[in-house]
């Protein structure tokens, strides 16, 4: 769940059958979610930096997402939210 303190940060949402929400300005670009994604749909955006000066994670193809939640589980800063069957 996104708290009131998080709403000031830039939220980036990808939606298809499932929904991924990234709190972009909280991302430290650690790359853990990229490595754990079984579908290889996450990557660091090397062309942009967030408010903290890090390259944020982006989703290449939300249609391939299975909403396994591994990215959210491994994120040390809890900046990823996964919702299954978001229609």
PDB file of N, CA and C in Angstrom:
ATOM      1  N   UNK A   1       0.849  -1.176   0.000  1.00  0.00           N
ATOM      2  CA  UNK A   1       0.000   0.000   0.000  1.00  0.00           C
ATOM      3  C   UNK A   1       0.893   1.236   0.000  1.00  0.00           C
ATOM      4  N   UNK A   2       0.493   2.233  -0.718  1.00  0.00           N
ATOM      5  CA  UNK A   2       1.247   3.471  -0.806  1.00  0.00           C
ATOM      6  C   UNK A   2       0.741   4.430   0.262  1.00  0.00           C
ATOM      7  N   UNK A   3       1.654   4.914   1.084  1.00  0.00           N
ATOM      8  CA  UNK A   3       1.269   5.790   2.180  1.00  0.00           C
ATOM      9  C   UNK A   3       1.265   7.247   1.741  1.00  0.00           C
ATOM     10  N   UNK A   4       0.765   8.105   2.594  1.00  0.00           N
ATOM     11  CA  UNK A   4       0.692   9.532   2.295  1.00  0.00           C
ATOM     12  C   UNK A   4       2.068  10.125   2.036  1.00  0.00           C
ATOM     13  N   UNK A   5       3.086   9.643   2.729  1.00  0.00           N
ATOM     14  CA  UNK A   5       4.441  10.135   2.533  1.00  0.00           C
ATOM     15  C   UNK A   5       5.000   9.775   1.173  1.00  0.00           C
ATOM     16  N   UNK A   6       4.498   8.709   0.580  1.00  0.00           N
ATOM     17  CA  UNK A   6       4.983   8.274  -0.716  1.00  0.00           C
ATOM     18  C   UNK A   6       4.315   9.005  -1.864  1.00  0.00           C
ATOM     19  N   UNK A   7       3.184   9.616  -1.648  1.00  0.00           N
ATOM     20  CA  UNK A   7       2.467  10.240  -2.751  1.00  0.00           C
ATOM     21  C   UNK A   7       3.218  11.431  -3.321  1.00  0.00           C
ATOM     22  N   UNK A   8       4.127  12.026  -2.569  1.00  0.00           N
ATOM     23  CA  UNK A   8       4.911  13.148  -3.069  1.00  0.00           C
ATOM     24  C   UNK A   8       5.953  12.677  -4.081  1.00  0.00           C
ATOM     25  N   UNK A   9       6.323  11.404  -4.039  1.00  0.00           N
ATOM     26  CA  UNK A   9       7.289  10.856  -4.972  1.00  0.00           C
ATOM     27  C   UNK A   9       6.613  10.566  -6.300  1.00  0.00           C
ATOM     28  N   UNK A  10       7.440  10.480  -7.329  1.00  0.00           N
ATOM     29  CA  UNK A  10       6.900  10.169  -8.653  1.00  0.00           C
ATOM     30  C   UNK A  10       6.567   8.690  -8.724  1.00  0.00           C
ATOM     31  N   UNK A  11       5.313   8.375  -8.968  1.00  0.00           N
ATOM     32  CA  UNK A  11       4.875   6.996  -9.125  1.00  0.00           C
ATOM     33  C   UNK A  11       4.747   6.702 -10.607  1.00  0.00           C
ATOM     34  N   UNK A  12       5.344   5.601 -11.038  1.00  0.00           N
ATOM     35  CA  UNK A  12       5.268   5.185 -12.427  1.00  0.00           C
ATOM     36  C   UNK A  12       4.494   3.881 -12.467  1.00  0.00           C
ATOM     37  N   UNK A  13       3.429   3.865 -13.250  1.00  0.00           N
ATOM     38  CA  UNK A  13       2.536   2.713 -13.278  1.00  0.00           C
ATOM     39  C   UNK A  13       2.528   2.076 -14.655  1.00  0.00           C
ATOM     40  N   UNK A  14       2.620   0.757 -14.666  1.00  0.00           N
ATOM     41  CA  UNK A  14       2.484  -0.034 -15.874  1.00  0.00           C
ATOM     42  C   UNK A  14       1.289  -0.939 -15.656  1.00  0.00           C
ATOM     43  N   UNK A  15       0.373  -0.974 -16.608  1.00  0.00           N
ATOM     44  CA  UNK A  15      -0.824  -1.795 -16.416  1.00  0.00           C
ATOM     45  C   UNK A  15      -1.176  -2.554 -17.685  1.00  0.00           C
ATOM     46  N   UNK A  16      -1.540  -3.767 -17.507  1.00  0.00           N
ATOM     47  CA  UNK A  16      -2.087  -4.633 -18.539  1.00  0.00           C
ATOM     48  C   UNK A  16      -3.041  -5.551 -17.779  1.00  0.00           C
ATOM     49  N   UNK A  17      -2.828  -6.848 -17.852  1.00  0.00           N
ATOM     50  CA  UNK A  17      -3.612  -7.753 -17.017  1.00  0.00           C
ATOM     51  C   UNK A  17      -3.213  -7.562 -15.549  1.00  0.00           C
ATOM     52  N   UNK A  18      -1.936  -7.297 -15.337  1.00  0.00           N
ATOM     53  CA  UNK A  18      -1.406  -7.039 -14.001  1.00  0.00           C
ATOM     54  C   UNK A  18      -0.908  -5.602 -13.959  1.00  0.00           C
ATOM     55  N   UNK A  19      -0.625  -5.129 -12.764  1.00  0.00           N
ATOM     56  CA  UNK A  19      -0.165  -3.752 -12.615  1.00  0.00           C
ATOM     57  C   UNK A  19       1.092  -3.708 -11.760  1.00  0.00           C
ATOM     58  N   UNK A  20       2.087  -2.965 -12.239  1.00  0.00           N
ATOM     59  CA  UNK A  20       3.305  -2.702 -11.482  1.00  0.00           C
ATOM     60  C   UNK A  20       3.358  -1.207 -11.220  1.00  0.00           C
ATOM     61  N   UNK A  21       3.638  -0.841  -9.987  1.00  0.00           N
ATOM     62  CA  UNK A  21       3.780   0.565  -9.633  1.00  0.00           C
ATOM     63  C   UNK A  21       5.148   0.732  -8.989  1.00  0.00           C
ATOM     64  N   UNK A  22       5.938   1.665  -9.540  1.00  0.00           N
ATOM     65  CA  UNK A  22       7.264   1.952  -9.008  1.00  0.00           C
ATOM     66  C   UNK A  22       7.266   3.347  -8.396  1.00  0.00           C
ATOM     67  N   UNK A  23       7.761   3.472  -7.190  1.00  0.00           N
ATOM     68  CA  UNK A  23       7.989   4.782  -6.588  1.00  0.00           C
ATOM     69  C   UNK A  23       9.367   5.208  -7.087  1.00  0.00           C
ATOM     70  N   UNK A  24       9.364   5.847  -8.244  1.00  0.00           N
ATOM     71  CA  UNK A  24      10.594   6.117  -8.974  1.00  0.00           C
ATOM     72  C   UNK A  24      11.639   6.881  -8.167  1.00  0.00           C
ATOM     73  N   UNK A  25      11.231   7.880  -7.427  1.00  0.00           N
ATOM     74  CA  UNK A  25      12.202   8.685  -6.687  1.00  0.00           C
ATOM     75  C   UNK A  25      12.765   7.970  -5.464  1.00  0.00           C
ATOM     76  N   UNK A  26      12.196   6.832  -5.101  1.00  0.00           N
ATOM     77  CA  UNK A  26      12.737   6.039  -4.000  1.00  0.00           C
ATOM     78  C   UNK A  26      13.706   4.966  -4.474  1.00  0.00           C
ATOM     79  N   UNK A  27      13.749   4.741  -5.780  1.00  0.00           N
ATOM     80  CA  UNK A  27      14.603   3.700  -6.360  1.00  0.00           C
ATOM     81  C   UNK A  27      16.071   4.108  -6.291  1.00  0.00           C
ATOM     82  N   UNK A  28      16.924   3.184  -5.805  1.00  0.00           N
ATOM     83  CA  UNK A  28      18.358   3.437  -5.730  1.00  0.00           C
ATOM     84  C   UNK A  28      19.113   2.764  -6.868  1.00  0.00           C
ATOM     85  N   UNK A  29      18.396   2.201  -7.817  1.00  0.00           N
ATOM     86  CA  UNK A  29      19.046   1.579  -8.959  1.00  0.00           C
ATOM     87  C   UNK A  29      19.933   0.411  -8.586  1.00  0.00           C
ATOM     88  N   UNK A  30      19.556  -0.353  -7.581  1.00  0.00           N
ATOM     89  CA  UNK A  30      20.394  -1.455  -7.100  1.00  0.00           C
ATOM     90  C   UNK A  30      20.417  -2.628  -8.079  1.00  0.00           C
ATOM     91  N   UNK A  31      19.425  -2.704  -8.970  1.00  0.00           N
ATOM     92  CA  UNK A  31      19.394  -3.719 -10.026  1.00  0.00           C
ATOM     93  C   UNK A  31      18.931  -5.094  -9.544  1.00  0.00           C
ATOM     94  N   UNK A  32      18.555  -5.233  -8.271  1.00  0.00           N
ATOM     95  CA  UNK A  32      18.139  -6.542  -7.767  1.00  0.00           C
ATOM     96  C   UNK A  32      16.864  -7.035  -8.447  1.00  0.00           C
ATOM     97  N   UNK A  33      15.898  -6.144  -8.645  1.00  0.00           N
ATOM     98  CA  UNK A  33      14.640  -6.542  -9.278  1.00  0.00           C
ATOM     99  C   UNK A  33      14.867  -6.983 -10.723  1.00  0.00           C
ATOM    100  N   UNK A  34      15.811  -6.334 -11.389  1.00  0.00           N
ATOM    101  CA  UNK A  34      16.132  -6.685 -12.773  1.00  0.00           C
ATOM    102  C   UNK A  34      16.645  -8.124 -12.833  1.00  0.00           C
ATOM    103  N   UNK A  35      17.528  -8.473 -11.909  1.00  0.00           N
ATOM    104  CA  UNK A  35      18.130  -9.814 -11.909  1.00  0.00           C
ATOM    105  C   UNK A  35      17.144 -10.898 -11.503  1.00  0.00           C
ATOM    106  N   UNK A  36      16.187 -10.593 -10.640  1.00  0.00           N
ATOM    107  CA  UNK A  36      15.286 -11.628 -10.132  1.00  0.00           C
ATOM    108  C   UNK A  36      14.062 -11.840 -11.036  1.00  0.00           C
ATOM    109  N   UNK A  37      13.768 -10.924 -11.932  1.00  0.00           N
ATOM    110  CA  UNK A  37      12.577 -11.037 -12.792  1.00  0.00           C
ATOM    111  C   UNK A  37      12.708 -12.234 -13.735  1.00  0.00           C
ATOM    112  N   UNK A  38      11.807 -13.222 -13.617  1.00  0.00           N
ATOM    113  CA  UNK A  38      11.904 -14.415 -14.464  1.00  0.00           C
ATOM    114  C   UNK A  38      11.580 -14.146 -15.934  1.00  0.00           C
ATOM    115  N   UNK A  39      10.915 -13.056 -16.225  1.00  0.00           N
ATOM    116  CA  UNK A  39      10.540 -12.719 -17.602  1.00  0.00           C
ATOM    117  C   UNK A  39      11.493 -11.701 -18.241  1.00  0.00           C
ATOM    118  N   UNK A  40      12.451 -11.209 -17.479  1.00  0.00           N
ATOM    119  CA  UNK A  40      13.436 -10.231 -17.984  1.00  0.00           C
ATOM    120  C   UNK A  40      12.782  -9.001 -18.610  1.00  0.00           C
ATOM    121  N   UNK A  41      11.761  -8.475 -17.929  1.00  0.00           N
ATOM    122  CA  UNK A  41      11.071  -7.299 -18.467  1.00  0.00           C
ATOM    123  C   UNK A  41      11.442  -6.010 -17.739  1.00  0.00           C
ATOM    124  N   UNK A  42      12.292  -6.101 -16.726  1.00  0.00           N
ATOM    125  CA  UNK A  42      12.720  -4.915 -15.990  1.00  0.00           C
ATOM    126  C   UNK A  42      14.148  -4.550 -16.382  1.00  0.00           C
ATOM    127  N   UNK A  43      14.426  -3.253 -16.405  1.00  0.00           N
ATOM    128  CA  UNK A  43      15.786  -2.789 -16.682  1.00  0.00           C
ATOM    129  C   UNK A  43      15.962  -1.416 -16.050  1.00  0.00           C
ATOM    130  N   UNK A  44      17.209  -1.022 -15.873  1.00  0.00           N
ATOM    131  CA  UNK A  44      17.495   0.324 -15.401  1.00  0.00           C
ATOM    132  C   UNK A  44      17.464   1.261 -16.588  1.00  0.00           C
ATOM    133  N   UNK A  45      16.838   2.405 -16.413  1.00  0.00           N
ATOM    134  CA  UNK A  45      16.785   3.421 -17.466  1.00  0.00           C
ATOM    135  C   UNK A  45      18.061   4.249 -17.385  1.00  0.00           C
ATOM    136  N   UNK A  46      19.029   3.919 -18.203  1.00  0.00           N
ATOM    137  CA  UNK A  46      20.339   4.565 -18.162  1.00  0.00           C
ATOM    138  C   UNK A  46      20.325   5.963 -18.775  1.00  0.00           C
ATOM    139  N   UNK A  47      19.198   6.364 -19.351  1.00  0.00           N
ATOM    140  CA  UNK A  47      19.075   7.696 -19.956  1.00  0.00           C
ATOM    141  C   UNK A  47      18.486   8.725 -19.006  1.00  0.00           C
ATOM    142  N   UNK A  48      18.023   8.283 -17.831  1.00  0.00           N
ATOM    143  CA  UNK A  48      17.393   9.196 -16.876  1.00  0.00           C
ATOM    144  C   UNK A  48      17.933   8.961 -15.479  1.00  0.00           C
ATOM    145  N   UNK A  49      17.794   9.975 -14.641  1.00  0.00           N
ATOM    146  CA  UNK A  49      18.095   9.828 -13.215  1.00  0.00           C
ATOM    147  C   UNK A  49      16.892  10.342 -12.429  1.00  0.00           C
ATOM    148  N   UNK A  50      16.679   9.774 -11.246  1.00  0.00           N
ATOM    149  CA  UNK A  50      15.563  10.220 -10.414  1.00  0.00           C
ATOM    150  C   UNK A  50      16.015  11.354  -9.491  1.00  0.00           C
ATOM    151  N   UNK A  51      15.168  11.743  -8.569  1.00  0.00           N
ATOM    152  CA  UNK A  51      15.456  12.871  -7.677  1.00  0.00           C
ATOM    153  C   UNK A  51      16.677  12.624  -6.795  1.00  0.00           C
ATOM    154  N   UNK A  52      17.004  11.354  -6.556  1.00  0.00           N
ATOM    155  CA  UNK A  52      18.165  11.027  -5.725  1.00  0.00           C
ATOM    156  C   UNK A  52      19.447  10.869  -6.545  1.00  0.00           C
ATOM    157  N   UNK A  53      19.326  10.952  -7.868  1.00  0.00           N
ATOM    158  CA  UNK A  53      20.488  10.836  -8.736  1.00  0.00           C
ATOM    159  C   UNK A  53      20.792   9.426  -9.212  1.00  0.00           C
ATOM    160  N   UNK A  54      19.836   8.516  -9.077  1.00  0.00           N
ATOM    161  CA  UNK A  54      20.025   7.131  -9.499  1.00  0.00           C
ATOM    162  C   UNK A  54      19.238   6.859 -10.771  1.00  0.00           C
ATOM    163  N   UNK A  55      19.681   5.859 -11.527  1.00  0.00           N
ATOM    164  CA  UNK A  55      18.914   5.405 -12.687  1.00  0.00           C
ATOM    165  C   UNK A  55      17.761   4.556 -12.182  1.00  0.00           C
ATOM    166  N   UNK A  56      16.518   4.935 -12.469  1.00  0.00           N
ATOM    167  CA  UNK A  56      15.370   4.173 -11.973  1.00  0.00           C
ATOM    168  C   UNK A  56      15.086   2.940 -12.829  1.00  0.00           C
ATOM    169  N   UNK A  57      14.371   2.011 -12.252  1.00  0.00           N
ATOM    170  CA  UNK A  57      13.961   0.813 -12.973  1.00  0.00           C
ATOM    171  C   UNK A  57      12.745   1.137 -13.831  1.00  0.00           C
ATOM    172  N   UNK A  58      12.652   0.495 -14.995  1.00  0.00           N
ATOM    173  CA  UNK A  58      11.503   0.626 -15.885  1.00  0.00           C
ATOM    174  C   UNK A  58      11.089  -0.760 -16.351  1.00  0.00           C
ATOM    175  N   UNK A  59       9.874  -0.864 -16.810  1.00  0.00           N
ATOM    176  CA  UNK A  59       9.335  -2.125 -17.319  1.00  0.00           C
ATOM    177  C   UNK A  59       9.281  -2.050 -18.839  1.00  0.00           C
ATOM    178  N   UNK A  60       9.898  -3.026 -19.490  1.00  0.00           N
ATOM    179  CA  UNK A  60       9.928  -3.070 -20.956  1.00  0.00           C
ATOM    180  C   UNK A  60       8.635  -3.566 -21.579  1.00  0.00           C
ATOM    181  N   UNK A  61       7.998  -4.562 -20.962  1.00  0.00           N
ATOM    182  CA  UNK A  61       6.823  -5.173 -21.580  1.00  0.00           C
ATOM    183  C   UNK A  61       5.889  -5.713 -20.501  1.00  0.00           C
ATOM    184  N   UNK A  62       4.990  -4.899 -20.057  1.00  0.00           N
ATOM    185  CA  UNK A  62       4.067  -5.283 -18.980  1.00  0.00           C
ATOM    186  C   UNK A  62       3.171  -6.454 -19.394  1.00  0.00           C
ATOM    187  N   UNK A  63       2.952  -6.627 -20.687  1.00  0.00           N
ATOM    188  CA  UNK A  63       2.119  -7.744 -21.144  1.00  0.00           C
ATOM    189  C   UNK A  63       2.720  -9.102 -20.807  1.00  0.00           C
ATOM    190  N   UNK A  64       4.043  -9.164 -20.644  1.00  0.00           N
ATOM    191  CA  UNK A  64       4.702 -10.422 -20.292  1.00  0.00           C
ATOM    192  C   UNK A  64       4.784 -10.659 -18.781  1.00  0.00           C
ATOM    193  N   UNK A  65       4.365  -9.700 -17.993  1.00  0.00           N
ATOM    194  CA  UNK A  65       4.441  -9.815 -16.535  1.00  0.00           C
ATOM    195  C   UNK A  65       3.470 -10.890 -16.035  1.00  0.00           C
ATOM    196  N   UNK A  66       3.968 -11.750 -15.152  1.00  0.00           N
ATOM    197  CA  UNK A  66       3.129 -12.787 -14.560  1.00  0.00           C
ATOM    198  C   UNK A  66       2.680 -12.423 -13.150  1.00  0.00           C
ATOM    199  N   UNK A  67       3.075 -11.253 -12.679  1.00  0.00           N
ATOM    200  CA  UNK A  67       2.744 -10.767 -11.335  1.00  0.00           C
ATOM    201  C   UNK A  67       3.230 -11.723 -10.255  1.00  0.00           C
ATOM    202  N   UNK A  68       4.409 -12.291 -10.469  1.00  0.00           N
ATOM    203  CA  UNK A  68       4.961 -13.226  -9.483  1.00  0.00           C
ATOM    204  C   UNK A  68       5.343 -12.511  -8.188  1.00  0.00           C
ATOM    205  N   UNK A  69       5.633 -11.219  -8.281  1.00  0.00           N
ATOM    206  CA  UNK A  69       5.948 -10.434  -7.098  1.00  0.00           C
ATOM    207  C   UNK A  69       7.387 -10.520  -6.637  1.00  0.00           C
ATOM    208  N   UNK A  70       8.236 -11.219  -7.380  1.00  0.00           N
ATOM    209  CA  UNK A  70       9.635 -11.357  -6.977  1.00  0.00           C
ATOM    210  C   UNK A  70      10.338 -10.004  -6.918  1.00  0.00           C
ATOM    211  N   UNK A  71      10.017  -9.108  -7.824  1.00  0.00           N
ATOM    212  CA  UNK A  71      10.648  -7.782  -7.825  1.00  0.00           C
ATOM    213  C   UNK A  71      10.309  -7.017  -6.551  1.00  0.00           C
ATOM    214  N   UNK A  72       9.046  -7.071  -6.156  1.00  0.00           N
ATOM    215  CA  UNK A  72       8.620  -6.370  -4.938  1.00  0.00           C
ATOM    216  C   UNK A  72       9.224  -7.003  -3.688  1.00  0.00           C
ATOM    217  N   UNK A  73       9.348  -8.322  -3.690  1.00  0.00           N
ATOM    218  CA  UNK A  73       9.898  -9.016  -2.524  1.00  0.00           C
ATOM    219  C   UNK A  73      11.374  -8.722  -2.320  1.00  0.00           C
ATOM    220  N   UNK A  74      12.127  -8.606  -3.407  1.00  0.00           N
ATOM    221  CA  UNK A  74      13.574  -8.427  -3.277  1.00  0.00           C
ATOM    222  C   UNK A  74      13.971  -6.959  -3.104  1.00  0.00           C
ATOM    223  N   UNK A  75      13.089  -6.033  -3.417  1.00  0.00           N
ATOM    224  CA  UNK A  75      13.415  -4.605  -3.334  1.00  0.00           C
ATOM    225  C   UNK A  75      13.719  -4.209  -1.885  1.00  0.00           C
ATOM    226  N   UNK A  76      14.957  -3.761  -1.618  1.00  0.00           N
ATOM    227  CA  UNK A  76      15.316  -3.431  -0.239  1.00  0.00           C
ATOM    228  C   UNK A  76      14.620  -2.180   0.302  1.00  0.00           C
ATOM    229  N   UNK A  77      14.085  -1.367  -0.587  1.00  0.00           N
ATOM    230  CA  UNK A  77      13.424  -0.132  -0.165  1.00  0.00           C
ATOM    231  C   UNK A  77      11.914  -0.152  -0.351  1.00  0.00           C
ATOM    232  N   UNK A  78      11.373  -1.285  -0.747  1.00  0.00           N
ATOM    233  CA  UNK A  78       9.922  -1.467  -0.917  1.00  0.00           C
ATOM    234  C   UNK A  78       9.296  -0.387  -1.803  1.00  0.00           C
ATOM    235  N   UNK A  79       9.891  -0.141  -2.951  1.00  0.00           N
ATOM    236  CA  UNK A  79       9.364   0.888  -3.855  1.00  0.00           C
ATOM    237  C   UNK A  79       8.573   0.287  -5.025  1.00  0.00           C
ATOM    238  N   UNK A  80       8.364  -1.038  -4.991  1.00  0.00           N
ATOM    239  CA  UNK A  80       7.617  -1.709  -6.059  1.00  0.00           C
ATOM    240  C   UNK A  80       6.363  -2.336  -5.476  1.00  0.00           C
ATOM    241  N   UNK A  81       5.236  -2.111  -6.161  1.00  0.00           N
ATOM    242  CA  UNK A  81       3.976  -2.715  -5.764  1.00  0.00           C
ATOM    243  C   UNK A  81       3.437  -3.507  -6.955  1.00  0.00           C
ATOM    244  N   UNK A  82       3.005  -4.731  -6.715  1.00  0.00           N
ATOM    245  CA  UNK A  82       2.467  -5.596  -7.760  1.00  0.00           C
ATOM    246  C   UNK A  82       1.021  -5.912  -7.436  1.00  0.00           C
ATOM    247  N   UNK A  83       0.145  -5.740  -8.418  1.00  0.00           N
ATOM    248  CA  UNK A  83      -1.265  -6.106  -8.254  1.00  0.00           C
ATOM    249  C   UNK A  83      -1.624  -7.103  -9.332  1.00  0.00           C
ATOM    250  N   UNK A  84      -2.187  -8.212  -8.916  1.00  0.00           N
ATOM    251  CA  UNK A  84      -2.611  -9.233  -9.879  1.00  0.00           C
ATOM    252  C   UNK A  84      -3.994  -8.897 -10.418  1.00  0.00           C
ATOM    253  N   UNK A  85      -4.190  -9.249 -11.666  1.00  0.00           N
ATOM    254  CA  UNK A  85      -5.486  -9.098 -12.328  1.00  0.00           C
ATOM    255  C   UNK A  85      -6.075  -7.705 -12.176  1.00  0.00           C
ATOM    256  N   UNK A  86      -5.260  -6.684 -12.368  1.00  0.00           N
ATOM    257  CA  UNK A  86      -5.740  -5.298 -12.330  1.00  0.00           C
ATOM    258  C   UNK A  86      -6.374  -4.987 -13.667  1.00  0.00           C
ATOM    259  N   UNK A  87      -7.652  -4.789 -13.660  1.00  0.00           N
ATOM    260  CA  UNK A  87      -8.359  -4.548 -14.928  1.00  0.00           C
ATOM    261  C   UNK A  87      -8.956  -3.177 -14.945  1.00  0.00           C
TER     262      UNK A  87
END
